[in-house]
Amino acid sequence: MESTEDPDDLGVVEVPTTLTCVDCGGTCHLLTTPFADDGEVGFRPGDVVAYRCADCLDRWDVVVE
């Protein structure tokens, strides 16, 4: 079933700047730059944000909800 909601109407979602790596337990840092529109800065539902682990160098792509 297709969603009828417009992602632009869902508002800004804040994402953490770091995550714990599920592979090694290290710290993953946010790589993706947030948008800056009309004075708002952040991400919207459906955006894909990337993180890189400082220890094992794995990359994680996460879909914002």
PDB file of N, CA and C in Angstrom:
ATOM      1  N   MET A   1       0.839  -1.174   0.000  1.00  0.00           N
ATOM      2  CA  MET A   1       0.000   0.000   0.000  1.00  0.00           C
ATOM      3  C   MET A   1       0.887   1.240   0.000  1.00  0.00           C
ATOM      4  N   GLU A   2       0.593   2.187  -0.820  1.00  0.00           N
ATOM      5  CA  GLU A   2       1.387   3.398  -0.962  1.00  0.00           C
ATOM      6  C   GLU A   2       0.948   4.452   0.055  1.00  0.00           C
ATOM      7  N   SER A   3       1.939   5.125   0.655  1.00  0.00           N
ATOM      8  CA  SER A   3       1.654   6.168   1.634  1.00  0.00           C
ATOM      9  C   SER A   3       1.130   7.411   0.924  1.00  0.00           C
ATOM     10  N   THR A   4       0.147   8.065   1.554  1.00  0.00           N
ATOM     11  CA  THR A   4      -0.398   9.297   0.990  1.00  0.00           C
ATOM     12  C   THR A   4       0.201  10.525   1.653  1.00  0.00           C
ATOM     13  N   GLU A   5       1.064  10.321   2.658  1.00  0.00           N
ATOM     14  CA  GLU A   5       1.680  11.447   3.345  1.00  0.00           C
ATOM     15  C   GLU A   5       2.832  12.009   2.531  1.00  0.00           C
ATOM     16  N   ASP A   6       2.932  13.321   2.515  1.00  0.00           N
ATOM     17  CA  ASP A   6       4.032  14.012   1.846  1.00  0.00           C
ATOM     18  C   ASP A   6       5.183  14.137   2.834  1.00  0.00           C
ATOM     19  N   PRO A   7       6.382  13.584   2.538  1.00  0.00           N
ATOM     20  CA  PRO A   7       7.508  13.671   3.466  1.00  0.00           C
ATOM     21  C   PRO A   7       7.846  15.096   3.878  1.00  0.00           C
ATOM     22  N   ASP A   8       7.588  16.078   3.010  1.00  0.00           N
ATOM     23  CA  ASP A   8       7.874  17.468   3.350  1.00  0.00           C
ATOM     24  C   ASP A   8       6.955  17.986   4.452  1.00  0.00           C
ATOM     25  N   ASP A   9       5.793  17.361   4.636  1.00  0.00           N
ATOM     26  CA  ASP A   9       4.842  17.790   5.654  1.00  0.00           C
ATOM     27  C   ASP A   9       5.083  17.125   7.001  1.00  0.00           C
ATOM     28  N   LEU A  10       6.041  16.210   7.088  1.00  0.00           N
ATOM     29  CA  LEU A  10       6.252  15.456   8.310  1.00  0.00           C
ATOM     30  C   LEU A  10       7.216  16.130   9.273  1.00  0.00           C
ATOM     31  N   GLY A  11       7.823  17.224   8.873  1.00  0.00           N
ATOM     32  CA  GLY A  11       8.684  17.970   9.769  1.00  0.00           C
ATOM     33  C   GLY A  11      10.118  17.484   9.769  1.00  0.00           C
ATOM     34  N   VAL A  12      10.890  18.140  10.606  1.00  0.00           N
ATOM     35  CA  VAL A  12      12.312  17.867  10.713  1.00  0.00           C
ATOM     36  C   VAL A  12      12.549  16.803  11.778  1.00  0.00           C
ATOM     37  N   VAL A  13      13.416  15.849  11.446  1.00  0.00           N
ATOM     38  CA  VAL A  13      13.789  14.792  12.389  1.00  0.00           C
ATOM     39  C   VAL A  13      15.250  14.985  12.738  1.00  0.00           C
ATOM     40  N   GLU A  14      15.547  15.005  14.027  1.00  0.00           N
ATOM     41  CA  GLU A  14      16.937  15.083  14.458  1.00  0.00           C
ATOM     42  C   GLU A  14      17.498  13.667  14.541  1.00  0.00           C
ATOM     43  N   VAL A  15      18.720  13.502  14.085  1.00  0.00           N
ATOM     44  CA  VAL A  15      19.379  12.208  14.155  1.00  0.00           C
ATOM     45  C   VAL A  15      20.610  12.344  15.044  1.00  0.00           C
ATOM     46  N   PRO A  16      21.018  11.266  15.701  1.00  0.00           N
ATOM     47  CA  PRO A  16      22.206  11.352  16.552  1.00  0.00           C
ATOM     48  C   PRO A  16      23.470  11.546  15.723  1.00  0.00           C
ATOM     49  N   THR A  17      24.445  12.232  16.286  1.00  0.00           N
ATOM     50  CA  THR A  17      25.707  12.443  15.574  1.00  0.00           C
ATOM     51  C   THR A  17      26.610  11.216  15.682  1.00  0.00           C
ATOM     52  N   THR A  18      26.347  10.349  16.660  1.00  0.00           N
ATOM     53  CA  THR A  18      27.106   9.103  16.791  1.00  0.00           C
ATOM     54  C   THR A  18      26.166   7.950  17.103  1.00  0.00           C
ATOM     55  N   LEU A  19      26.575   6.762  16.680  1.00  0.00           N
ATOM     56  CA  LEU A  19      25.878   5.504  16.970  1.00  0.00           C
ATOM     57  C   LEU A  19      26.914   4.489  17.433  1.00  0.00           C
ATOM     58  N   THR A  20      26.461   3.449  18.101  1.00  0.00           N
ATOM     59  CA  THR A  20      27.348   2.347  18.455  1.00  0.00           C
ATOM     60  C   THR A  20      27.343   1.334  17.316  1.00  0.00           C
ATOM     61  N   CYS A  21      28.518   0.969  16.847  1.00  0.00           N
ATOM     62  CA  CYS A  21      28.652   0.008  15.753  1.00  0.00           C
ATOM     63  C   CYS A  21      28.172  -1.363  16.214  1.00  0.00           C
ATOM     64  N   VAL A  22      27.270  -1.973  15.439  1.00  0.00           N
ATOM     65  CA  VAL A  22      26.755  -3.288  15.807  1.00  0.00           C
ATOM     66  C   VAL A  22      27.761  -4.398  15.505  1.00  0.00           C
ATOM     67  N   ASP A  23      28.783  -4.109  14.699  1.00  0.00           N
ATOM     68  CA  ASP A  23      29.791  -5.127  14.401  1.00  0.00           C
ATOM     69  C   ASP A  23      30.885  -5.194  15.457  1.00  0.00           C
ATOM     70  N   CYS A  24      31.417  -4.034  15.867  1.00  0.00           N
ATOM     71  CA  CYS A  24      32.581  -4.057  16.755  1.00  0.00           C
ATOM     72  C   CYS A  24      32.380  -3.310  18.076  1.00  0.00           C
ATOM     73  N   GLY A  25      31.278  -2.577  18.212  1.00  0.00           N
ATOM     74  CA  GLY A  25      31.035  -1.821  19.437  1.00  0.00           C
ATOM     75  C   GLY A  25      31.695  -0.462  19.460  1.00  0.00           C
ATOM     76  N   GLY A  26      32.357  -0.087  18.374  1.00  0.00           N
ATOM     77  CA  GLY A  26      33.014   1.219  18.283  1.00  0.00           C
ATOM     78  C   GLY A  26      32.008   2.334  18.073  1.00  0.00           C
ATOM     79  N   THR A  27      32.509   3.528  17.831  1.00  0.00           N
ATOM     80  CA  THR A  27      31.660   4.700  17.632  1.00  0.00           C
ATOM     81  C   THR A  27      31.558   5.034  16.157  1.00  0.00           C
ATOM     82  N   CYS A  28      30.321   5.092  15.653  1.00  0.00           N
ATOM     83  CA  CYS A  28      30.051   5.494  14.275  1.00  0.00           C
ATOM     84  C   CYS A  28      29.690   6.971  14.259  1.00  0.00           C
ATOM     85  N   HIS A  29      30.315   7.728  13.362  1.00  0.00           N
ATOM     86  CA  HIS A  29      30.074   9.166  13.267  1.00  0.00           C
ATOM     87  C   HIS A  29      29.253   9.477  12.024  1.00  0.00           C
ATOM     88  N   LEU A  30      28.358  10.441  12.150  1.00  0.00           N
ATOM     89  CA  LEU A  30      27.499  10.878  11.057  1.00  0.00           C
ATOM     90  C   LEU A  30      28.333  11.477   9.929  1.00  0.00           C
ATOM     91  N   LEU A  31      28.101  11.023   8.696  1.00  0.00           N
ATOM     92  CA  LEU A  31      28.800  11.543   7.514  1.00  0.00           C
ATOM     93  C   LEU A  31      27.929  12.507   6.711  1.00  0.00           C
ATOM     94  N   THR A  32      26.606  12.330   6.767  1.00  0.00           N
ATOM     95  CA  THR A  32      25.680  13.060   5.922  1.00  0.00           C
ATOM     96  C   THR A  32      25.415  14.453   6.483  1.00  0.00           C
ATOM     97  N   THR A  33      25.452  15.448   5.612  1.00  0.00           N
ATOM     98  CA  THR A  33      25.170  16.821   6.002  1.00  0.00           C
ATOM     99  C   THR A  33      23.660  17.059   5.973  1.00  0.00           C
ATOM    100  N   PRO A  34      23.100  17.639   7.037  1.00  0.00           N
ATOM    101  CA  PRO A  34      21.653  17.900   7.039  1.00  0.00           C
ATOM    102  C   PRO A  34      21.288  19.014   6.063  1.00  0.00           C
ATOM    103  N   PHE A  35      20.031  19.000   5.622  1.00  0.00           N
ATOM    104  CA  PHE A  35      19.555  20.063   4.740  1.00  0.00           C
ATOM    105  C   PHE A  35      19.363  21.340   5.560  1.00  0.00           C
ATOM    106  N   ALA A  36      19.315  22.460   4.892  1.00  0.00           N
ATOM    107  CA  ALA A  36      19.028  23.746   5.525  1.00  0.00           C
ATOM    108  C   ALA A  36      18.055  24.504   4.616  1.00  0.00           C
ATOM    109  N   ASP A  37      16.755  24.403   4.926  1.00  0.00           N
ATOM    110  CA  ASP A  37      15.704  25.065   4.147  1.00  0.00           C
ATOM    111  C   ASP A  37      14.866  25.945   5.056  1.00  0.00           C
ATOM    112  N   ASP A  38      14.567  27.129   4.626  1.00  0.00           N
ATOM    113  CA  ASP A  38      13.644  28.021   5.338  1.00  0.00           C
ATOM    114  C   ASP A  38      13.942  28.116   6.830  1.00  0.00           C
ATOM    115  N   GLY A  39      15.210  28.162   7.188  1.00  0.00           N
ATOM    116  CA  GLY A  39      15.575  28.302   8.589  1.00  0.00           C
ATOM    117  C   GLY A  39      15.586  26.999   9.369  1.00  0.00           C
ATOM    118  N   GLU A  40      15.124  25.910   8.754  1.00  0.00           N
ATOM    119  CA  GLU A  40      15.141  24.604   9.404  1.00  0.00           C
ATOM    120  C   GLU A  40      16.397  23.853   8.989  1.00  0.00           C
ATOM    121  N   VAL A  41      16.965  23.137   9.923  1.00  0.00           N
ATOM    122  CA  VAL A  41      18.141  22.321   9.639  1.00  0.00           C
ATOM    123  C   VAL A  41      17.872  20.936  10.185  1.00  0.00           C
ATOM    124  N   GLY A  42      18.091  19.908   9.375  1.00  0.00           N
ATOM    125  CA  GLY A  42      17.880  18.546   9.847  1.00  0.00           C
ATOM    126  C   GLY A  42      17.656  17.576   8.709  1.00  0.00           C
ATOM    127  N   PHE A  43      16.897  16.543   9.019  1.00  0.00           N
ATOM    128  CA  PHE A  43      16.570  15.499   8.054  1.00  0.00           C
ATOM    129  C   PHE A  43      15.066  15.290   8.058  1.00  0.00           C
ATOM    130  N   ARG A  44      14.559  14.691   6.992  1.00  0.00           N
ATOM    131  CA  ARG A  44      13.134  14.382   6.881  1.00  0.00           C
ATOM    132  C   ARG A  44      12.950  12.877   6.830  1.00  0.00           C
ATOM    133  N   PRO A  45      11.783  12.385   7.247  1.00  0.00           N
ATOM    134  CA  PRO A  45      11.510  10.954   7.117  1.00  0.00           C
ATOM    135  C   PRO A  45      11.724  10.499   5.676  1.00  0.00           C
ATOM    136  N   GLY A  46      12.411   9.385   5.521  1.00  0.00           N
ATOM    137  CA  GLY A  46      12.727   8.859   4.198  1.00  0.00           C
ATOM    138  C   GLY A  46      14.133   9.194   3.736  1.00  0.00           C
ATOM    139  N   ASP A  47      14.764  10.197   4.354  1.00  0.00           N
ATOM    140  CA  ASP A  47      16.151  10.518   4.018  1.00  0.00           C
ATOM    141  C   ASP A  47      17.056   9.360   4.439  1.00  0.00           C
ATOM    142  N   VAL A  48      18.134   9.175   3.708  1.00  0.00           N
ATOM    143  CA  VAL A  48      19.135   8.171   4.066  1.00  0.00           C
ATOM    144  C   VAL A  48      20.350   8.905   4.610  1.00  0.00           C
ATOM    145  N   VAL A  49      20.764   8.537   5.825  1.00  0.00           N
ATOM    146  CA  VAL A  49      21.954   9.144   6.423  1.00  0.00           C
ATOM    147  C   VAL A  49      23.028   8.073   6.575  1.00  0.00           C
ATOM    148  N   ALA A  50      24.273   8.471   6.409  1.00  0.00           N
ATOM    149  CA  ALA A  50      25.394   7.532   6.462  1.00  0.00           C
ATOM    150  C   ALA A  50      26.241   7.791   7.698  1.00  0.00           C
ATOM    151  N   TYR A  51      26.717   6.695   8.282  1.00  0.00           N
ATOM    152  CA  TYR A  51      27.625   6.738   9.426  1.00  0.00           C
ATOM    153  C   TYR A  51      28.846   5.892   9.092  1.00  0.00           C
ATOM    154  N   ARG A  52      30.009   6.242   9.653  1.00  0.00           N
ATOM    155  CA  ARG A  52      31.230   5.444   9.474  1.00  0.00           C
ATOM    156  C   ARG A  52      31.796   5.154  10.854  1.00  0.00           C
ATOM    157  N   CYS A  53      32.158   3.884  11.081  1.00  0.00           N
ATOM    158  CA  CYS A  53      32.735   3.476  12.353  1.00  0.00           C
ATOM    159  C   CYS A  53      34.207   3.884  12.406  1.00  0.00           C
ATOM    160  N   ALA A  54      34.590   4.533  13.496  1.00  0.00           N
ATOM    161  CA  ALA A  54      35.972   4.989  13.665  1.00  0.00           C
ATOM    162  C   ALA A  54      36.927   3.828  13.923  1.00  0.00           C
ATOM    163  N   ASP A  55      36.399   2.696  14.415  1.00  0.00           N
ATOM    164  CA  ASP A  55      37.261   1.569  14.752  1.00  0.00           C
ATOM    165  C   ASP A  55      37.421   0.567  13.607  1.00  0.00           C
ATOM    166  N   CYS A  56      36.304   0.063  13.069  1.00  0.00           N
ATOM    167  CA  CYS A  56      36.396  -0.969  12.027  1.00  0.00           C
ATOM    168  C   CYS A  56      36.172  -0.420  10.613  1.00  0.00           C
ATOM    169  N   LEU A  57      35.811   0.865  10.518  1.00  0.00           N
ATOM    170  CA  LEU A  57      35.591   1.571   9.256  1.00  0.00           C
ATOM    171  C   LEU A  57      34.381   1.089   8.463  1.00  0.00           C
ATOM    172  N   ASP A  58      33.496   0.285   9.094  1.00  0.00           N
ATOM    173  CA  ASP A  58      32.253  -0.093   8.420  1.00  0.00           C
ATOM    174  C   ASP A  58      31.406   1.151   8.202  1.00  0.00           C
ATOM    175  N   ARG A  59      30.640   1.124   7.118  1.00  0.00           N
ATOM    176  CA  ARG A  59      29.708   2.217   6.819  1.00  0.00           C
ATOM    177  C   ARG A  59      28.299   1.697   7.042  1.00  0.00           C
ATOM    178  N   TRP A  60      27.467   2.532   7.649  1.00  0.00           N
ATOM    179  CA  TRP A  60      26.071   2.200   7.917  1.00  0.00           C
ATOM    180  C   TRP A  60      25.192   3.244   7.279  1.00  0.00           C
ATOM    181  N   ASP A  61      24.270   2.814   6.420  1.00  0.00           N
ATOM    182  CA  ASP A  61      23.288   3.703   5.811  1.00  0.00           C
ATOM    183  C   ASP A  61      21.949   3.448   6.497  1.00  0.00           C
ATOM    184  N   VAL A  62      21.380   4.495   7.074  1.00  0.00           N
ATOM    185  CA  VAL A  62      20.189   4.372   7.890  1.00  0.00           C
ATOM    186  C   VAL A  62      19.088   5.240   7.278  1.00  0.00           C
ATOM    187  N   VAL A  63      17.872   4.682   7.142  1.00  0.00           N
ATOM    188  CA  VAL A  63      16.730   5.430   6.651  1.00  0.00           C
ATOM    189  C   VAL A  63      16.049   6.105   7.838  1.00  0.00           C
ATOM    190  N   VAL A  64      15.866   7.419   7.749  1.00  0.00           N
ATOM    191  CA  VAL A  64      15.234   8.196   8.810  1.00  0.00           C
ATOM    192  C   VAL A  64      13.738   7.936   8.791  1.00  0.00           C
ATOM    193  N   GLU A  65      13.173   7.689   9.970  1.00  0.00           N
ATOM    194  CA  GLU A  65      11.711   7.488  10.079  1.00  0.00           C
ATOM    195  C   GLU A  65      11.094   8.524  10.963  1.00  0.00           C
TER     196      GLU A  65
END
